Amino acid sequence: MAHAHGYQTGILLESGTNELEIITLYLQWLDPVTKAVNRTAYGINAAKIRELVAMPTNLTGMPESHSSMRGVFLLRNRTIPLIDLCHWFQYEPDLSPEAQAKWVVVVTEINGKLFSFITHGVDKVYRVSWDRILPPPDMIAYHSSLTGVCLVDGQIIQMVDFEKICADIDPAMAIDAEAHAIIQQATAAQAAKSVVIADDSSVIREQITRTLEKGGYQVIAHHDGQAAWDYLEETRQAGDLDRKVLAVIADIEMPRMDGHHLCLRIKGNPEYERIPVMLFSSLVNDTTRHKGESVGADDQISKPELGELVSRLQQCLVKQQG
């Protein structure tokens, strides 16, 4: 397969539309009992994909690496880790020559780093609204490698939590709330209000909350942008916005309402003028930063730079006051 550098060219969406382009990929695996061939559809946000390449012929093994890591390969002088997605989900892959001829490696950028994943084929591109993507059931959400599910063209597409996979395989990608010293503390006036956060990962919500609380802030956490917006609107309509809300920190990728759309709504209402909005996401990079700027975000921080969160929040608050 030829390189598909800049795979998203021509399909990237305008900022704040609350839509995304889903690239569907599939895994083809054998039933553990009957050995019948099954196929499961998964989805990835097109904004994460850098290119599609053929299976590399020269792989270098990595001693003591995760069992799903197949090694590293060179791509235009960059060393790329190769992760076996089928092994990660504990499937037995279909290794027939016909099946392997369709395998595709998806090269992604997660938190500024390149990772690649073995898939058994790439299918269609769907443009969908975030409100069609439902979070996984609560009973599996904490430990699941899925961020959501959606029904498109009669098939269920499972959205993969690629950030979680990368963090489990590469410890340097994990966000550690305890590892960062908090130098700046909230003032008494700031501590009297709350920072509203929105993130669909319960783990990330807890880590952001612990970090902000160490800095002396109160936190109100929500599992997606829609829940955060509903809270903000209820607070505004009750006349308590200035008294209760200090700032908003939002992930970008979230079911129901993404961070860009949340930011656009906040910045579109003059009553929210004094409230800074920060985007804290794995999608913040040199390629996508302009999207956050176009919806009026006061700052954008790439995960896992949690250590910068409090100091950057303080900078936003000082700028807002000035």
C-alpha atoms as a PDB file:
ATOM      1  CA  MET A   1       0.000   0.000   0.000  1.00  0.00           C
ATOM      2  CA  ALA A   2       1.276   3.433  -0.855  1.00  0.00           C
ATOM      3  CA  HIS A   3       1.888   5.922   1.886  1.00  0.00           C
ATOM      4  CA  ALA A   4      -1.132   8.083   2.615  1.00  0.00           C
ATOM      5  CA  HIS A   5       0.628  11.032   4.192  1.00  0.00           C
ATOM      6  CA  GLY A   6      -1.812  13.714   5.336  1.00  0.00           C
ATOM      7  CA  TYR A   7      -4.650  11.220   5.239  1.00  0.00           C
ATOM      8  CA  GLN A   8      -7.182  13.712   6.504  1.00  0.00           C
ATOM      9  CA  THR A   9      -6.574  16.254   3.728  1.00  0.00           C
ATOM     10  CA  GLY A  10      -9.880  17.456   2.415  1.00  0.00           C
ATOM     11  CA  ILE A  11     -12.016  15.944   5.175  1.00  0.00           C
ATOM     12  CA  LEU A  12     -11.040  17.906   8.252  1.00  0.00           C
ATOM     13  CA  LEU A  13     -14.066  19.692   9.602  1.00  0.00           C
ATOM     14  CA  GLU A  14     -14.625  23.279  10.559  1.00  0.00           C
ATOM     15  CA  SER A  15     -14.093  23.951  14.235  1.00  0.00           C
ATOM     16  CA  GLY A  16     -17.015  23.929  16.616  1.00  0.00           C
ATOM     17  CA  THR A  17     -19.466  21.961  14.451  1.00  0.00           C
ATOM     18  CA  ASN A  18     -19.633  19.162  17.068  1.00  0.00           C
ATOM     19  CA  GLU A  19     -18.817  16.688  14.312  1.00  0.00           C
ATOM     20  CA  LEU A  20     -15.920  14.402  13.576  1.00  0.00           C
ATOM     21  CA  GLU A  21     -14.704  12.203  10.782  1.00  0.00           C
ATOM     22  CA  ILE A  22     -14.537   8.571  11.865  1.00  0.00           C
ATOM     23  CA  ILE A  23     -12.202   6.258   9.986  1.00  0.00           C
ATOM     24  CA  THR A  24     -13.537   2.721  10.400  1.00  0.00           C
ATOM     25  CA  LEU A  25     -11.104  -0.138  10.668  1.00  0.00           C
ATOM     26  CA  TYR A  26     -11.731  -3.766  11.477  1.00  0.00           C
ATOM     27  CA  LEU A  27     -10.187  -6.774  13.158  1.00  0.00           C
ATOM     28  CA  GLN A  28     -10.770 -10.229  11.701  1.00  0.00           C
ATOM     29  CA  TRP A  29     -10.517 -12.951  14.319  1.00  0.00           C
ATOM     30  CA  LEU A  30     -11.350 -16.589  15.006  1.00  0.00           C
ATOM     31  CA  ASP A  31     -13.982 -17.791  17.433  1.00  0.00           C
ATOM     32  CA  PRO A  32     -12.104 -19.580  20.241  1.00  0.00           C
ATOM     33  CA  VAL A  33     -14.457 -22.585  20.089  1.00  0.00           C
ATOM     34  CA  THR A  34     -15.728 -22.938  16.525  1.00  0.00           C
ATOM     35  CA  LYS A  35     -12.815 -21.170  14.781  1.00  0.00           C
ATOM     36  CA  ALA A  36     -15.373 -19.341  12.661  1.00  0.00           C
ATOM     37  CA  VAL A  37     -14.139 -16.054  11.200  1.00  0.00           C
ATOM     38  CA  ASN A  38     -15.575 -12.922  12.804  1.00  0.00           C
ATOM     39  CA  ARG A  39     -15.105  -9.268  12.015  1.00  0.00           C
ATOM     40  CA  THR A  40     -15.459  -6.371  14.474  1.00  0.00           C
ATOM     41  CA  ALA A  41     -15.618  -2.713  13.422  1.00  0.00           C
ATOM     42  CA  TYR A  42     -13.727  -0.034  15.337  1.00  0.00           C
ATOM     43  CA  GLY A  43     -13.418   3.691  14.861  1.00  0.00           C
ATOM     44  CA  ILE A  44     -10.712   6.324  15.163  1.00  0.00           C
ATOM     45  CA  ASN A  45     -11.000  10.088  14.878  1.00  0.00           C
ATOM     46  CA  ALA A  46      -9.441  11.073  11.530  1.00  0.00           C
ATOM     47  CA  ALA A  47      -7.635  13.922  13.279  1.00  0.00           C
ATOM     48  CA  LYS A  48      -5.411  11.354  15.005  1.00  0.00           C
ATOM     49  CA  ILE A  49      -4.278   9.627  11.804  1.00  0.00           C
ATOM     50  CA  ARG A  50      -1.050  10.714  10.166  1.00  0.00           C
ATOM     51  CA  GLU A  51      -0.932   8.070   7.437  1.00  0.00           C
ATOM     52  CA  LEU A  52      -1.668   4.500   6.418  1.00  0.00           C
ATOM     53  CA  VAL A  53       1.205   2.204   5.454  1.00  0.00           C
ATOM     54  CA  ALA A  54       1.764  -1.416   4.546  1.00  0.00           C
ATOM     55  CA  MET A  55       3.032  -3.880   7.132  1.00  0.00           C
ATOM     56  CA  PRO A  56       6.745  -3.102   7.598  1.00  0.00           C
ATOM     57  CA  THR A  57       9.157  -5.746   6.398  1.00  0.00           C
ATOM     58  CA  ASN A  58      11.899  -4.754   8.833  1.00  0.00           C
ATOM     59  CA  LEU A  59      10.863  -4.771  12.483  1.00  0.00           C
ATOM     60  CA  THR A  60      13.210  -4.389  15.422  1.00  0.00           C
ATOM     61  CA  GLY A  61      12.114  -6.137  18.601  1.00  0.00           C
ATOM     62  CA  MET A  62      12.024  -4.283  21.903  1.00  0.00           C
ATOM     63  CA  PRO A  63      13.190  -6.369  24.888  1.00  0.00           C
ATOM     64  CA  GLU A  64      10.936  -6.302  27.969  1.00  0.00           C
ATOM     65  CA  SER A  65       8.249  -4.425  26.067  1.00  0.00           C
ATOM     66  CA  HIS A  66       4.487  -4.919  26.394  1.00  0.00           C
ATOM     67  CA  SER A  67       3.207  -8.200  24.938  1.00  0.00           C
ATOM     68  CA  SER A  68       1.109  -6.305  22.369  1.00  0.00           C
ATOM     69  CA  MET A  69       4.167  -4.442  21.085  1.00  0.00           C
ATOM     70  CA  ARG A  70       5.523  -6.058  17.931  1.00  0.00           C
ATOM     71  CA  GLY A  71       8.623  -3.880  17.707  1.00  0.00           C
ATOM     72  CA  VAL A  72       9.623  -0.613  16.043  1.00  0.00           C
ATOM     73  CA  PHE A  73      10.240   0.356  12.433  1.00  0.00           C
ATOM     74  CA  LEU A  74      11.653   3.351  10.586  1.00  0.00           C
ATOM     75  CA  LEU A  75       9.371   5.661   8.648  1.00  0.00           C
ATOM     76  CA  ARG A  76      11.081   8.675   7.063  1.00  0.00           C
ATOM     77  CA  ASN A  77      13.791   8.609   9.716  1.00  0.00           C
ATOM     78  CA  ARG A  78      11.284   8.371  12.577  1.00  0.00           C
ATOM     79  CA  THR A  79      11.208   5.341  14.877  1.00  0.00           C
ATOM     80  CA  ILE A  80       7.597   4.173  15.168  1.00  0.00           C
ATOM     81  CA  PRO A  81       6.326   1.653  17.767  1.00  0.00           C
ATOM     82  CA  LEU A  82       4.055  -1.011  16.224  1.00  0.00           C
ATOM     83  CA  ILE A  83       1.164  -2.269  18.377  1.00  0.00           C
ATOM     84  CA  ASP A  84      -0.923  -5.339  17.568  1.00  0.00           C
ATOM     85  CA  LEU A  85      -4.504  -4.189  18.127  1.00  0.00           C
ATOM     86  CA  CYS A  86      -5.906  -7.707  17.775  1.00  0.00           C
ATOM     87  CA  HIS A  87      -3.599  -8.992  20.512  1.00  0.00           C
ATOM     88  CA  TRP A  88      -4.574  -6.041  22.703  1.00  0.00           C
ATOM     89  CA  PHE A  89      -8.240  -7.074  22.516  1.00  0.00           C
ATOM     90  CA  GLN A  90      -7.214 -10.707  23.122  1.00  0.00           C
ATOM     91  CA  TYR A  91      -8.512 -12.039  19.818  1.00  0.00           C
ATOM     92  CA  GLU A  92      -6.945 -14.855  17.822  1.00  0.00           C
ATOM     93  CA  PRO A  93      -6.259 -13.263  14.438  1.00  0.00           C
ATOM     94  CA  ASP A  94      -7.187 -14.762  11.079  1.00  0.00           C
ATOM     95  CA  LEU A  95      -3.742 -15.538   9.686  1.00  0.00           C
ATOM     96  CA  SER A  96      -4.853 -16.838   6.312  1.00  0.00           C
ATOM     97  CA  PRO A  97      -2.859 -15.397   3.378  1.00  0.00           C
ATOM     98  CA  GLU A  98      -6.022 -13.771   2.026  1.00  0.00           C
ATOM     99  CA  ALA A  99      -6.638 -12.000   5.335  1.00  0.00           C
ATOM    100  CA  GLN A 100      -3.033 -10.889   5.861  1.00  0.00           C
ATOM    101  CA  ALA A 101      -2.921  -9.399   2.367  1.00  0.00           C
ATOM    102  CA  LYS A 102      -5.445  -6.791   3.569  1.00  0.00           C
ATOM    103  CA  TRP A 103      -3.638  -5.777   6.761  1.00  0.00           C
ATOM    104  CA  VAL A 104      -2.970  -2.069   7.124  1.00  0.00           C
ATOM    105  CA  VAL A 105      -0.843  -0.187   9.643  1.00  0.00           C
ATOM    106  CA  VAL A 106      -2.468   2.993  10.944  1.00  0.00           C
ATOM    107  CA  VAL A 107       0.093   5.598  12.016  1.00  0.00           C
ATOM    108  CA  THR A 108      -1.297   7.961  14.640  1.00  0.00           C
ATOM    109  CA  GLU A 109      -0.136  10.967  16.615  1.00  0.00           C
ATOM    110  CA  ILE A 110      -1.094  10.750  20.290  1.00  0.00           C
ATOM    111  CA  ASN A 111       0.040  13.481  22.673  1.00  0.00           C
ATOM    112  CA  GLY A 112       2.705  14.569  20.231  1.00  0.00           C
ATOM    113  CA  LYS A 113       4.164  11.064  19.765  1.00  0.00           C
ATOM    114  CA  LEU A 114       3.804   8.699  16.827  1.00  0.00           C
ATOM    115  CA  PHE A 115       2.376   5.220  17.394  1.00  0.00           C
ATOM    116  CA  SER A 116       1.198   2.682  14.839  1.00  0.00           C
ATOM    117  CA  PHE A 117      -1.404  -0.065  15.054  1.00  0.00           C
ATOM    118  CA  ILE A 118      -1.858  -3.241  13.058  1.00  0.00           C
ATOM    119  CA  THR A 119      -5.396  -3.439  11.703  1.00  0.00           C
ATOM    120  CA  HIS A 120      -6.892  -6.042   9.412  1.00  0.00           C
ATOM    121  CA  GLY A 121      -8.262  -3.477   7.013  1.00  0.00           C
ATOM    122  CA  VAL A 122      -9.520   0.089   6.768  1.00  0.00           C
ATOM    123  CA  ASP A 123     -13.059   0.591   5.579  1.00  0.00           C
ATOM    124  CA  LYS A 124     -15.070   3.795   5.202  1.00  0.00           C
ATOM    125  CA  VAL A 125     -15.007   7.377   6.396  1.00  0.00           C
ATOM    126  CA  TYR A 126     -18.107   8.592   8.206  1.00  0.00           C
ATOM    127  CA  ARG A 127     -18.955  12.133   9.195  1.00  0.00           C
ATOM    128  CA  VAL A 128     -20.992  11.968  12.390  1.00  0.00           C
ATOM    129  CA  SER A 129     -22.077  14.254  15.183  1.00  0.00           C
ATOM    130  CA  TRP A 130     -20.661  13.686  18.638  1.00  0.00           C
ATOM    131  CA  ASP A 131     -24.202  13.488  19.986  1.00  0.00           C
ATOM    132  CA  ARG A 132     -24.570  10.159  18.155  1.00  0.00           C
ATOM    133  CA  ILE A 133     -21.653   8.660  20.067  1.00  0.00           C
ATOM    134  CA  LEU A 134     -22.722   7.145  23.353  1.00  0.00           C
ATOM    135  CA  PRO A 135     -20.350   6.488  26.259  1.00  0.00           C
ATOM    136  CA  PRO A 136     -19.627   2.843  27.132  1.00  0.00           C
ATOM    137  CA  PRO A 137     -21.631   1.317  29.995  1.00  0.00           C
ATOM    138  CA  ASP A 138     -20.539   2.528  33.436  1.00  0.00           C
ATOM    139  CA  MET A 139     -19.648  -0.991  34.557  1.00  0.00           C
ATOM    140  CA  ILE A 140     -16.842  -1.210  31.956  1.00  0.00           C
ATOM    141  CA  ALA A 141     -16.018   2.444  31.362  1.00  0.00           C
ATOM    142  CA  TYR A 142     -13.264   2.733  33.987  1.00  0.00           C
ATOM    143  CA  HIS A 143     -11.179  -0.183  32.700  1.00  0.00           C
ATOM    144  CA  SER A 144     -12.403  -0.328  29.110  1.00  0.00           C
ATOM    145  CA  SER A 145     -10.289   0.404  26.030  1.00  0.00           C
ATOM    146  CA  LEU A 146     -13.329   2.006  24.429  1.00  0.00           C
ATOM    147  CA  THR A 147     -14.471   5.619  24.681  1.00  0.00           C
ATOM    148  CA  GLY A 148     -17.860   5.194  23.037  1.00  0.00           C
ATOM    149  CA  VAL A 149     -20.056   3.399  20.534  1.00  0.00           C
ATOM    150  CA  CYS A 150     -22.186   4.609  17.657  1.00  0.00           C
ATOM    151  CA  LEU A 151     -24.516   3.100  15.087  1.00  0.00           C
ATOM    152  CA  VAL A 152     -23.697   4.023  11.485  1.00  0.00           C
ATOM    153  CA  ASP A 153     -25.204   2.421   8.386  1.00  0.00           C
ATOM    154  CA  GLY A 154     -26.667  -0.353  10.486  1.00  0.00           C
ATOM    155  CA  GLN A 155     -23.387  -1.388  12.095  1.00  0.00           C
ATOM    156  CA  ILE A 156     -22.055  -0.736  15.573  1.00  0.00           C
ATOM    157  CA  ILE A 157     -18.713   1.049  15.572  1.00  0.00           C
ATOM    158  CA  GLN A 158     -16.681   0.913  18.762  1.00  0.00           C
ATOM    159  CA  MET A 159     -14.501   3.968  19.363  1.00  0.00           C
ATOM    160  CA  VAL A 160     -11.092   2.872  20.634  1.00  0.00           C
ATOM    161  CA  ASP A 161      -9.351   4.632  23.516  1.00  0.00           C
ATOM    162  CA  PHE A 162      -5.983   4.850  21.785  1.00  0.00           C
ATOM    163  CA  GLU A 163      -4.657   7.182  24.506  1.00  0.00           C
ATOM    164  CA  LYS A 164      -5.240   4.528  27.160  1.00  0.00           C
ATOM    165  CA  ILE A 165      -3.545   1.853  25.054  1.00  0.00           C
ATOM    166  CA  CYS A 166      -0.522   4.062  24.437  1.00  0.00           C
ATOM    167  CA  ALA A 167      -0.282   5.030  28.113  1.00  0.00           C
ATOM    168  CA  ASP A 168      -0.386   1.374  29.185  1.00  0.00           C
ATOM    169  CA  ILE A 169       2.317   0.422  26.682  1.00  0.00           C
ATOM    170  CA  ASP A 170       4.507   3.516  27.105  1.00  0.00           C
ATOM    171  CA  PRO A 171       4.609   4.635  30.776  1.00  0.00           C
ATOM    172  CA  ALA A 172       5.986   8.010  29.691  1.00  0.00           C
ATOM    173  CA  MET A 173       2.565   8.731  28.152  1.00  0.00           C
ATOM    174  CA  ALA A 174       0.669   8.235  31.395  1.00  0.00           C
ATOM    175  CA  ILE A 175      -0.585  11.243  33.313  1.00  0.00           C
ATOM    176  CA  ASP A 176       0.582  11.165  36.923  1.00  0.00           C
ATOM    177  CA  ALA A 177      -1.136  13.705  39.123  1.00  0.00           C
ATOM    178  CA  GLU A 178       1.174  12.941  42.050  1.00  0.00           C
ATOM    179  CA  ALA A 179       4.380  13.618  40.129  1.00  0.00           C
ATOM    180  CA  HIS A 180       3.897  17.345  39.696  1.00  0.00           C
ATOM    181  CA  ALA A 181       4.750  19.920  42.312  1.00  0.00           C
ATOM    182  CA  ILE A 182       2.221  22.741  42.587  1.00  0.00           C
ATOM    183  CA  ILE A 183       4.041  26.035  43.008  1.00  0.00           C
ATOM    184  CA  GLN A 184       1.224  28.519  42.497  1.00  0.00           C
ATOM    185  CA  GLN A 185      -1.820  28.389  44.747  1.00  0.00           C
ATOM    186  CA  ALA A 186      -5.297  29.779  44.181  1.00  0.00           C
ATOM    187  CA  THR A 187      -6.081  33.078  45.852  1.00  0.00           C
ATOM    188  CA  ALA A 188      -8.909  33.217  48.374  1.00  0.00           C
ATOM    189  CA  ALA A 189     -11.203  34.781  45.771  1.00  0.00           C
ATOM    190  CA  GLN A 190     -10.357  32.097  43.226  1.00  0.00           C
ATOM    191  CA  ALA A 191     -10.802  29.298  45.743  1.00  0.00           C
ATOM    192  CA  ALA A 192     -14.310  30.509  46.494  1.00  0.00           C
ATOM    193  CA  LYS A 193     -15.386  29.572  42.959  1.00  0.00           C
ATOM    194  CA  SER A 194     -15.128  26.321  40.986  1.00  0.00           C
ATOM    195  CA  VAL A 195     -13.237  25.165  37.942  1.00  0.00           C
ATOM    196  CA  VAL A 196     -15.623  23.235  35.709  1.00  0.00           C
ATOM    197  CA  ILE A 197     -13.916  20.329  33.944  1.00  0.00           C
ATOM    198  CA  ALA A 198     -15.246  18.068  31.195  1.00  0.00           C
ATOM    199  CA  ASP A 199     -13.536  14.812  30.219  1.00  0.00           C
ATOM    200  CA  ASP A 200     -15.023  11.467  29.234  1.00  0.00           C
ATOM    201  CA  SER A 201     -12.232   9.527  30.956  1.00  0.00           C
ATOM    202  CA  SER A 202     -12.950   8.922  34.635  1.00  0.00           C
ATOM    203  CA  VAL A 203      -9.220   8.411  35.224  1.00  0.00           C
ATOM    204  CA  ILE A 204      -8.313  11.767  33.661  1.00  0.00           C
ATOM    205  CA  ARG A 205     -11.128  13.536  35.517  1.00  0.00           C
ATOM    206  CA  GLU A 206      -9.765  12.230  38.809  1.00  0.00           C
ATOM    207  CA  GLN A 207      -6.202  13.236  37.923  1.00  0.00           C
ATOM    208  CA  ILE A 208      -7.185  16.755  36.868  1.00  0.00           C
ATOM    209  CA  THR A 209      -9.341  17.111  39.981  1.00  0.00           C
ATOM    210  CA  ARG A 210      -6.528  16.015  42.317  1.00  0.00           C
ATOM    211  CA  THR A 211      -4.074  18.375  40.610  1.00  0.00           C
ATOM    212  CA  LEU A 212      -6.380  21.386  40.842  1.00  0.00           C
ATOM    213  CA  GLU A 213      -7.330  20.612  44.429  1.00  0.00           C
ATOM    214  CA  LYS A 214      -3.630  20.511  45.316  1.00  0.00           C
ATOM    215  CA  GLY A 215      -3.498  24.037  43.915  1.00  0.00           C
ATOM    216  CA  GLY A 216      -6.334  25.128  46.196  1.00  0.00           C
ATOM    217  CA  TYR A 217      -9.136  25.114  43.626  1.00  0.00           C
ATOM    218  CA  GLN A 218     -12.639  23.735  43.927  1.00  0.00           C
ATOM    219  CA  VAL A 219     -13.646  21.448  41.056  1.00  0.00           C
ATOM    220  CA  ILE A 220     -16.939  20.432  39.487  1.00  0.00           C
ATOM    221  CA  ALA A 221     -16.352  17.538  37.084  1.00  0.00           C
ATOM    222  CA  HIS A 222     -18.538  16.361  34.195  1.00  0.00           C
ATOM    223  CA  HIS A 223     -18.239  13.332  31.921  1.00  0.00           C
ATOM    224  CA  ASP A 224     -18.754  15.202  28.632  1.00  0.00           C
ATOM    225  CA  GLY A 225     -19.224  18.627  27.119  1.00  0.00           C
ATOM    226  CA  GLN A 226     -23.006  18.422  27.094  1.00  0.00           C
ATOM    227  CA  ALA A 227     -23.168  17.791  30.851  1.00  0.00           C
ATOM    228  CA  ALA A 228     -20.763  20.671  31.471  1.00  0.00           C
ATOM    229  CA  TRP A 229     -22.789  22.994  29.230  1.00  0.00           C
ATOM    230  CA  ASP A 230     -26.044  22.030  30.953  1.00  0.00           C
ATOM    231  CA  TYR A 231     -24.478  22.865  34.323  1.00  0.00           C
ATOM    232  CA  LEU A 232     -23.130  26.192  33.073  1.00  0.00           C
ATOM    233  CA  GLU A 233     -26.475  27.175  31.584  1.00  0.00           C
ATOM    234  CA  GLU A 234     -28.375  26.233  34.745  1.00  0.00           C
ATOM    235  CA  THR A 235     -25.920  28.301  36.774  1.00  0.00           C
ATOM    236  CA  ARG A 236     -26.179  31.250  34.379  1.00  0.00           C
ATOM    237  CA  GLN A 237     -29.971  31.186  34.313  1.00  0.00           C
ATOM    238  CA  ALA A 238     -30.020  31.137  38.130  1.00  0.00           C
ATOM    239  CA  GLY A 239     -27.877  34.265  38.151  1.00  0.00           C
ATOM    240  CA  ASP A 240     -24.973  32.478  39.886  1.00  0.00           C
ATOM    241  CA  LEU A 241     -22.410  32.368  37.063  1.00  0.00           C
ATOM    242  CA  ASP A 242     -20.107  35.093  38.398  1.00  0.00           C
ATOM    243  CA  ARG A 243     -20.360  33.765  41.936  1.00  0.00           C
ATOM    244  CA  LYS A 244     -19.758  30.072  41.201  1.00  0.00           C
ATOM    245  CA  VAL A 245     -17.690  29.549  38.029  1.00  0.00           C
ATOM    246  CA  LEU A 246     -14.019  30.478  37.771  1.00  0.00           C
ATOM    247  CA  ALA A 247     -12.887  28.709  34.576  1.00  0.00           C
ATOM    248  CA  VAL A 248     -13.589  25.768  32.269  1.00  0.00           C
ATOM    249  CA  ILE A 249     -11.126  23.023  31.328  1.00  0.00           C
ATOM    250  CA  ALA A 250     -12.313  20.624  28.621  1.00  0.00           C
ATOM    251  CA  ASP A 251     -11.094  17.638  26.680  1.00  0.00           C
ATOM    252  CA  ILE A 252     -11.708  17.844  22.926  1.00  0.00           C
ATOM    253  CA  GLU A 253     -12.929  14.322  22.117  1.00  0.00           C
ATOM    254  CA  MET A 254     -16.085  13.586  24.103  1.00  0.00           C
ATOM    255  CA  PRO A 255     -19.422  11.912  23.386  1.00  0.00           C
ATOM    256  CA  ARG A 256     -22.484  14.133  22.894  1.00  0.00           C
ATOM    257  CA  MET A 257     -20.546  17.442  22.753  1.00  0.00           C
ATOM    258  CA  ASP A 258     -16.858  17.900  22.047  1.00  0.00           C
ATOM    259  CA  GLY A 259     -14.584  20.505  23.590  1.00  0.00           C
ATOM    260  CA  HIS A 260     -14.416  22.714  20.518  1.00  0.00           C
ATOM    261  CA  HIS A 261     -18.191  23.012  20.354  1.00  0.00           C
ATOM    262  CA  LEU A 262     -18.410  23.616  24.105  1.00  0.00           C
ATOM    263  CA  CYS A 263     -15.827  26.380  23.815  1.00  0.00           C
ATOM    264  CA  LEU A 264     -17.652  27.918  20.839  1.00  0.00           C
ATOM    265  CA  ARG A 265     -20.913  28.029  22.790  1.00  0.00           C
ATOM    266  CA  ILE A 266     -19.272  29.623  25.818  1.00  0.00           C
ATOM    267  CA  LYS A 267     -17.418  32.214  23.784  1.00  0.00           C
ATOM    268  CA  GLY A 268     -20.557  32.986  21.791  1.00  0.00           C
ATOM    269  CA  ASN A 269     -22.416  34.264  24.855  1.00  0.00           C
ATOM    270  CA  PRO A 270     -21.327  37.653  26.299  1.00  0.00           C
ATOM    271  CA  GLU A 271     -22.400  36.555  29.790  1.00  0.00           C
ATOM    272  CA  TYR A 272     -19.475  34.083  29.794  1.00  0.00           C
ATOM    273  CA  GLU A 273     -16.966  36.713  28.695  1.00  0.00           C
ATOM    274  CA  ARG A 274     -14.911  36.706  31.893  1.00  0.00           C
ATOM    275  CA  ILE A 275     -14.627  32.885  32.099  1.00  0.00           C
ATOM    276  CA  PRO A 276     -11.458  31.469  30.480  1.00  0.00           C
ATOM    277  CA  VAL A 277     -11.718  28.175  28.601  1.00  0.00           C
ATOM    278  CA  MET A 278      -8.729  25.828  28.394  1.00  0.00           C
ATOM    279  CA  LEU A 279      -8.532  22.766  26.140  1.00  0.00           C
ATOM    280  CA  PHE A 280      -6.602  19.836  27.623  1.00  0.00           C
ATOM    281  CA  SER A 281      -6.378  17.081  25.034  1.00  0.00           C
ATOM    282  CA  SER A 282      -4.213  14.607  23.161  1.00  0.00           C
ATOM    283  CA  LEU A 283      -5.405  16.343  19.974  1.00  0.00           C
ATOM    284  CA  VAL A 284      -3.586  19.581  20.794  1.00  0.00           C
ATOM    285  CA  ASN A 285      -0.608  19.718  18.439  1.00  0.00           C
ATOM    286  CA  ASP A 286       0.900  21.975  15.790  1.00  0.00           C
ATOM    287  CA  THR A 287      -1.525  20.632  13.175  1.00  0.00           C
ATOM    288  CA  THR A 288      -4.760  21.103  15.123  1.00  0.00           C
ATOM    289  CA  ARG A 289      -3.950  24.065  17.371  1.00  0.00           C
ATOM    290  CA  HIS A 290      -5.590  26.463  14.925  1.00  0.00           C
ATOM    291  CA  LYS A 291      -8.944  24.782  15.598  1.00  0.00           C
ATOM    292  CA  GLY A 292      -8.859  25.726  19.266  1.00  0.00           C
ATOM    293  CA  GLU A 293      -7.822  29.254  18.352  1.00  0.00           C
ATOM    294  CA  SER A 294     -10.730  29.563  15.909  1.00  0.00           C
ATOM    295  CA  VAL A 295     -13.291  28.775  18.651  1.00  0.00           C
ATOM    296  CA  GLY A 296     -11.701  31.251  21.067  1.00  0.00           C
ATOM    297  CA  ALA A 297      -9.904  28.937  23.510  1.00  0.00           C
ATOM    298  CA  ASP A 298      -7.820  30.926  25.986  1.00  0.00           C
ATOM    299  CA  ASP A 299      -5.160  28.212  26.139  1.00  0.00           C
ATOM    300  CA  GLN A 300      -4.499  24.700  24.843  1.00  0.00           C
ATOM    301  CA  ILE A 301      -2.423  22.087  26.645  1.00  0.00           C
ATOM    302  CA  SER A 302      -1.422  18.709  25.271  1.00  0.00           C
ATOM    303  CA  LYS A 303      -1.840  15.685  27.506  1.00  0.00           C
ATOM    304  CA  PRO A 304       0.074  14.491  29.454  1.00  0.00           C
ATOM    305  CA  GLU A 305       1.478  17.919  30.416  1.00  0.00           C
ATOM    306  CA  LEU A 306      -0.555  17.939  33.611  1.00  0.00           C
ATOM    307  CA  GLY A 307       2.216  19.733  35.479  1.00  0.00           C
ATOM    308  CA  GLU A 308       1.540  22.892  33.470  1.00  0.00           C
ATOM    309  CA  LEU A 309      -2.167  22.947  34.170  1.00  0.00           C
ATOM    310  CA  VAL A 310      -2.206  25.067  37.348  1.00  0.00           C
ATOM    311  CA  SER A 311       0.388  27.595  36.174  1.00  0.00           C
ATOM    312  CA  ARG A 312      -1.314  27.986  32.787  1.00  0.00           C
ATOM    313  CA  LEU A 313      -4.687  28.358  34.516  1.00  0.00           C
ATOM    314  CA  GLN A 314      -3.227  31.147  36.625  1.00  0.00           C
ATOM    315  CA  GLN A 315      -1.921  32.855  33.501  1.00  0.00           C
ATOM    316  CA  CYS A 316      -5.387  32.727  31.925  1.00  0.00           C
ATOM    317  CA  LEU A 317      -7.002  34.147  35.045  1.00  0.00           C
ATOM    318  CA  VAL A 318      -4.489  36.991  35.304  1.00  0.00           C
ATOM    319  CA  LYS A 319      -4.947  37.807  31.626  1.00  0.00           C
ATOM    320  CA  GLN A 320      -8.731  37.782  32.050  1.00  0.00           C
ATOM    321  CA  GLN A 321      -8.530  40.184  34.981  1.00  0.00           C
ATOM    322  CA  GLY A 322      -6.157  42.487  33.156  1.00  0.00           C
END
